[in-house]
C-alpha cells in the first residue's frame, strides 16, 4: 500500500471518529465525548498533512 492510499484511509478513519464524536456530543455532554471529536480532527489533520507531503506520519 502506498503512502497516498494509507493517508486517504487515515482521513476516512478520522471522519468516522468526528462523526462518532458529534453523535456522542448530541446524545450526552460528558467531557470524554469531546475527546473523541478532537481525536478525529487530529487524525484527519495527520492524514491531510501526509497526503500533501506524500509521507506517512
PDB file of N, CA and C in Angstrom:
ATOM      1  N   UNK A   1       0.845  -1.178   0.000  1.00  0.00           N
ATOM      2  CA  UNK A   1       0.000   0.000   0.000  1.00  0.00           C
ATOM      3  C   UNK A   1       0.890   1.240   0.000  1.00  0.00           C
ATOM      4  N   UNK A   2       0.614   2.152  -0.923  1.00  0.00           N
ATOM      5  CA  UNK A   2       1.434   3.354  -0.995  1.00  0.00           C
ATOM      6  C   UNK A   2       0.985   4.395   0.041  1.00  0.00           C
ATOM      7  N   UNK A   3       1.760   5.453   0.167  1.00  0.00           N
ATOM      8  CA  UNK A   3       1.519   6.464   1.197  1.00  0.00           C
ATOM      9  C   UNK A   3       0.201   7.193   0.968  1.00  0.00           C
ATOM     10  N   UNK A   4      -0.135   7.501  -0.296  1.00  0.00           N
ATOM     11  CA  UNK A   4      -1.371   8.232  -0.563  1.00  0.00           C
ATOM     12  C   UNK A   4      -2.583   7.417  -0.139  1.00  0.00           C
ATOM     13  N   UNK A   5      -2.600   6.130  -0.460  1.00  0.00           N
ATOM     14  CA  UNK A   5      -3.726   5.277  -0.090  1.00  0.00           C
ATOM     15  C   UNK A   5      -3.847   5.192   1.424  1.00  0.00           C
ATOM     16  N   UNK A   6      -2.742   5.025   2.119  1.00  0.00           N
ATOM     17  CA  UNK A   6      -2.804   4.918   3.579  1.00  0.00           C
ATOM     18  C   UNK A   6      -3.266   6.226   4.199  1.00  0.00           C
ATOM     19  N   UNK A   7      -2.888   7.367   3.605  1.00  0.00           N
ATOM     20  CA  UNK A   7      -3.338   8.645   4.130  1.00  0.00           C
ATOM     21  C   UNK A   7      -4.820   8.884   3.860  1.00  0.00           C
ATOM     22  N   UNK A   8      -5.324   8.409   2.715  1.00  0.00           N
ATOM     23  CA  UNK A   8      -6.764   8.504   2.446  1.00  0.00           C
ATOM     24  C   UNK A   8      -7.529   7.670   3.461  1.00  0.00           C
ATOM     25  N   UNK A   9      -7.048   6.460   3.753  1.00  0.00           N
ATOM     26  CA  UNK A   9      -7.681   5.601   4.757  1.00  0.00           C
ATOM     27  C   UNK A   9      -7.636   6.287   6.123  1.00  0.00           C
ATOM     28  N   UNK A  10      -6.518   6.939   6.450  1.00  0.00           N
ATOM     29  CA  UNK A  10      -6.393   7.669   7.715  1.00  0.00           C
ATOM     30  C   UNK A  10      -7.425   8.783   7.794  1.00  0.00           C
ATOM     31  N   UNK A  11      -7.613   9.527   6.701  1.00  0.00           N
ATOM     32  CA  UNK A  11      -8.591  10.611   6.701  1.00  0.00           C
ATOM     33  C   UNK A  11     -10.011  10.070   6.856  1.00  0.00           C
ATOM     34  N   UNK A  12     -10.317   8.941   6.220  1.00  0.00           N
ATOM     35  CA  UNK A  12     -11.644   8.336   6.360  1.00  0.00           C
ATOM     36  C   UNK A  12     -11.877   7.921   7.807  1.00  0.00           C
ATOM     37  N   UNK A  13     -10.854   7.319   8.431  1.00  0.00           N
ATOM     38  CA  UNK A  13     -10.967   6.927   9.839  1.00  0.00           C
ATOM     39  C   UNK A  13     -11.201   8.161  10.714  1.00  0.00           C
ATOM     40  N   UNK A  14     -10.510   9.256  10.413  1.00  0.00           N
ATOM     41  CA  UNK A  14     -10.701  10.500  11.167  1.00  0.00           C
ATOM     42  C   UNK A  14     -12.109  11.034  11.044  1.00  0.00           C
ATOM     43  N   UNK A  15     -12.671  10.967   9.825  1.00  0.00           N
ATOM     44  CA  UNK A  15     -14.046  11.423   9.611  1.00  0.00           C
ATOM     45  C   UNK A  15     -15.019  10.562  10.410  1.00  0.00           C
ATOM     46  N   UNK A  16     -14.761   9.259  10.474  1.00  0.00           N
ATOM     47  CA  UNK A  16     -15.605   8.366  11.274  1.00  0.00           C
ATOM     48  C   UNK A  16     -15.534   8.763  12.750  1.00  0.00           C
ATOM     49  N   UNK A  17     -14.317   9.057  13.252  1.00  0.00           N
ATOM     50  CA  UNK A  17     -14.161   9.493  14.632  1.00  0.00           C
ATOM     51  C   UNK A  17     -14.916  10.792  14.892  1.00  0.00           C
ATOM     52  N   UNK A  18     -14.831  11.744  13.947  1.00  0.00           N
ATOM     53  CA  UNK A  18     -15.552  13.009  14.099  1.00  0.00           C
ATOM     54  C   UNK A  18     -17.057  12.751  14.160  1.00  0.00           C
ATOM     55  N   UNK A  19     -17.538  11.868  13.288  1.00  0.00           N
ATOM     56  CA  UNK A  19     -18.964  11.519  13.299  1.00  0.00           C
ATOM     57  C   UNK A  19     -19.393  10.905  14.614  1.00  0.00           C
ATOM     58  N   UNK A  20     -18.581   9.986  15.142  1.00  0.00           N
ATOM     59  CA  UNK A  20     -18.872   9.392  16.449  1.00  0.00           C
ATOM     60  C   UNK A  20     -18.864  10.460  17.542  1.00  0.00           C
ATOM     61  N   UNK A  21     -17.905  11.368  17.481  1.00  0.00           N
ATOM     62  CA  UNK A  21     -17.809  12.435  18.472  1.00  0.00           C
ATOM     63  C   UNK A  21     -19.024  13.342  18.446  1.00  0.00           C
ATOM     64  N   UNK A  22     -19.462  13.731  17.237  1.00  0.00           N
ATOM     65  CA  UNK A  22     -20.653  14.583  17.111  1.00  0.00           C
ATOM     66  C   UNK A  22     -21.875  13.847  17.651  1.00  0.00           C
ATOM     67  N   UNK A  23     -22.008  12.566  17.301  1.00  0.00           N
ATOM     68  CA  UNK A  23     -23.129  11.770  17.795  1.00  0.00           C
ATOM     69  C   UNK A  23     -23.111  11.701  19.322  1.00  0.00           C
ATOM     70  N   UNK A  24     -21.935  11.484  19.915  1.00  0.00           N
ATOM     71  CA  UNK A  24     -21.826  11.421  21.371  1.00  0.00           C
ATOM     72  C   UNK A  24     -22.161  12.761  22.020  1.00  0.00           C
ATOM     73  N   UNK A  25     -21.713  13.865  21.393  1.00  0.00           N
ATOM     74  CA  UNK A  25     -21.982  15.188  21.941  1.00  0.00           C
ATOM     75  C   UNK A  25     -23.488  15.470  21.916  1.00  0.00           C
ATOM     76  N   UNK A  26     -24.163  15.032  20.835  1.00  0.00           N
ATOM     77  CA  UNK A  26     -25.612  15.238  20.740  1.00  0.00           C
ATOM     78  C   UNK A  26     -26.332  14.394  21.796  1.00  0.00           C
ATOM     79  N   UNK A  27     -25.865  13.169  22.008  1.00  0.00           N
ATOM     80  CA  UNK A  27     -26.515  12.253  22.952  1.00  0.00           C
ATOM     81  C   UNK A  27     -26.289  12.664  24.405  1.00  0.00           C
ATOM     82  N   UNK A  28     -25.094  13.134  24.715  1.00  0.00           N
ATOM     83  CA  UNK A  28     -24.764  13.476  26.092  1.00  0.00           C
ATOM     84  C   UNK A  28     -23.670  14.514  26.123  1.00  0.00           C
ATOM     85  N   UNK A  29     -23.383  15.045  27.301  1.00  0.00           N
ATOM     86  CA  UNK A  29     -22.404  16.126  27.381  1.00  0.00           C
ATOM     87  C   UNK A  29     -21.238  15.768  28.305  1.00  0.00           C
ATOM     88  N   UNK A  30     -20.884  14.486  28.378  1.00  0.00           N
ATOM     89  CA  UNK A  30     -19.708  14.118  29.166  1.00  0.00           C
ATOM     90  C   UNK A  30     -18.455  14.652  28.486  1.00  0.00           C
ATOM     91  N   UNK A  31     -17.451  14.959  29.281  1.00  0.00           N
ATOM     92  CA  UNK A  31     -16.221  15.552  28.746  1.00  0.00           C
ATOM     93  C   UNK A  31     -15.508  14.634  27.781  1.00  0.00           C
ATOM     94  N   UNK A  32     -15.584  13.307  27.972  1.00  0.00           N
ATOM     95  CA  UNK A  32     -14.845  12.393  27.106  1.00  0.00           C
ATOM     96  C   UNK A  32     -15.441  12.313  25.713  1.00  0.00           C
ATOM     97  N   UNK A  33     -16.699  12.749  25.532  1.00  0.00           N
ATOM     98  CA  UNK A  33     -17.272  12.798  24.181  1.00  0.00           C
ATOM     99  C   UNK A  33     -16.515  13.794  23.313  1.00  0.00           C
ATOM    100  N   UNK A  34     -16.054  14.883  23.904  1.00  0.00           N
ATOM    101  CA  UNK A  34     -15.313  15.893  23.156  1.00  0.00           C
ATOM    102  C   UNK A  34     -13.924  15.381  22.776  1.00  0.00           C
ATOM    103  N   UNK A  35     -13.363  14.471  23.575  1.00  0.00           N
ATOM    104  CA  UNK A  35     -12.047  13.896  23.262  1.00  0.00           C
ATOM    105  C   UNK A  35     -12.127  13.098  21.959  1.00  0.00           C
ATOM    106  N   UNK A  36     -13.218  12.318  21.780  1.00  0.00           N
ATOM    107  CA  UNK A  36     -13.389  11.553  20.539  1.00  0.00           C
ATOM    108  C   UNK A  36     -13.402  12.495  19.338  1.00  0.00           C
ATOM    109  N   UNK A  37     -14.136  13.607  19.477  1.00  0.00           N
ATOM    110  CA  UNK A  37     -14.239  14.598  18.406  1.00  0.00           C
ATOM    111  C   UNK A  37     -12.869  15.204  18.095  1.00  0.00           C
ATOM    112  N   UNK A  38     -12.120  15.561  19.136  1.00  0.00           N
ATOM    113  CA  UNK A  38     -10.787  16.159  18.950  1.00  0.00           C
ATOM    114  C   UNK A  38      -9.816  15.159  18.334  1.00  0.00           C
ATOM    115  N   UNK A  39      -9.866  13.892  18.763  1.00  0.00           N
ATOM    116  CA  UNK A  39      -9.005  12.862  18.184  1.00  0.00           C
ATOM    117  C   UNK A  39      -9.298  12.728  16.691  1.00  0.00           C
ATOM    118  N   UNK A  40     -10.585  12.777  16.316  1.00  0.00           N
ATOM    119  CA  UNK A  40     -10.960  12.709  14.908  1.00  0.00           C
ATOM    120  C   UNK A  40     -10.359  13.844  14.106  1.00  0.00           C
ATOM    121  N   UNK A  41     -10.400  15.064  14.641  1.00  0.00           N
ATOM    122  CA  UNK A  41      -9.815  16.216  13.952  1.00  0.00           C
ATOM    123  C   UNK A  41      -8.311  16.021  13.788  1.00  0.00           C
ATOM    124  N   UNK A  42      -7.637  15.525  14.834  1.00  0.00           N
ATOM    125  CA  UNK A  42      -6.187  15.301  14.774  1.00  0.00           C
ATOM    126  C   UNK A  42      -5.855  14.243  13.721  1.00  0.00           C
ATOM    127  N   UNK A  43      -6.646  13.149  13.673  1.00  0.00           N
ATOM    128  CA  UNK A  43      -6.397  12.077  12.704  1.00  0.00           C
ATOM    129  C   UNK A  43      -6.567  12.597  11.282  1.00  0.00           C
ATOM    130  N   UNK A  44      -7.630  13.392  11.037  1.00  0.00           N
ATOM    131  CA  UNK A  44      -7.844  13.962   9.707  1.00  0.00           C
ATOM    132  C   UNK A  44      -6.685  14.892   9.343  1.00  0.00           C
ATOM    133  N   UNK A  45      -6.228  15.697  10.315  1.00  0.00           N
ATOM    134  CA  UNK A  45      -5.117  16.619  10.054  1.00  0.00           C
ATOM    135  C   UNK A  45      -3.842  15.848   9.708  1.00  0.00           C
ATOM    136  N   UNK A  46      -3.560  14.765  10.434  1.00  0.00           N
ATOM    137  CA  UNK A  46      -2.385  13.937  10.128  1.00  0.00           C
ATOM    138  C   UNK A  46      -2.485  13.330   8.736  1.00  0.00           C
ATOM    139  N   UNK A  47      -3.679  12.825   8.397  1.00  0.00           N
ATOM    140  CA  UNK A  47      -3.881  12.231   7.078  1.00  0.00           C
ATOM    141  C   UNK A  47      -3.717  13.257   5.968  1.00  0.00           C
ATOM    142  N   UNK A  48      -4.276  14.461   6.172  1.00  0.00           N
ATOM    143  CA  UNK A  48      -4.182  15.515   5.161  1.00  0.00           C
ATOM    144  C   UNK A  48      -2.738  15.974   4.996  1.00  0.00           C
ATOM    145  N   UNK A  49      -2.015  16.115   6.105  1.00  0.00           N
ATOM    146  CA  UNK A  49      -0.607  16.523   6.044  1.00  0.00           C
ATOM    147  C   UNK A  49       0.221  15.469   5.313  1.00  0.00           C
ATOM    148  N   UNK A  50      -0.006  14.205   5.650  1.00  0.00           N
ATOM    149  CA  UNK A  50       0.715  13.117   4.996  1.00  0.00           C
ATOM    150  C   UNK A  50       0.390  13.031   3.512  1.00  0.00           C
ATOM    151  N   UNK A  51      -0.869  13.263   3.168  1.00  0.00           N
ATOM    152  CA  UNK A  51      -1.278  13.216   1.767  1.00  0.00           C
ATOM    153  C   UNK A  51      -0.620  14.344   0.981  1.00  0.00           C
ATOM    154  N   UNK A  52      -0.541  15.512   1.606  1.00  0.00           N
ATOM    155  CA  UNK A  52       0.047  16.682   0.942  1.00  0.00           C
ATOM    156  C   UNK A  52       1.546  16.497   0.739  1.00  0.00           C
ATOM    157  N   UNK A  53       2.230  15.965   1.746  1.00  0.00           N
ATOM    158  CA  UNK A  53       3.678  15.801   1.650  1.00  0.00           C
ATOM    159  C   UNK A  53       4.081  14.484   0.995  1.00  0.00           C
ATOM    160  N   UNK A  54       3.123  13.552   0.859  1.00  0.00           N
ATOM    161  CA  UNK A  54       3.422  12.253   0.258  1.00  0.00           C
ATOM    162  C   UNK A  54       4.142  11.312   1.193  1.00  0.00           C
ATOM    163  N   UNK A  55       4.047  11.560   2.510  1.00  0.00           N
ATOM    164  CA  UNK A  55       4.696  10.695   3.501  1.00  0.00           C
ATOM    165  C   UNK A  55       3.658  10.103   4.430  1.00  0.00           C
ATOM    166  N   UNK A  56       4.057   9.036   5.109  1.00  0.00           N
ATOM    167  CA  UNK A  56       3.243   8.526   6.208  1.00  0.00           C
ATOM    168  C   UNK A  56       3.669   9.243   7.459  1.00  0.00           C
ATOM    169  N   UNK A  57       2.720   9.439   8.371  1.00  0.00           N
ATOM    170  CA  UNK A  57       3.050  10.165   9.602  1.00  0.00           C
ATOM    171  C   UNK A  57       3.843   9.307  10.561  1.00  0.00           C
TER     172      UNK A  57
END
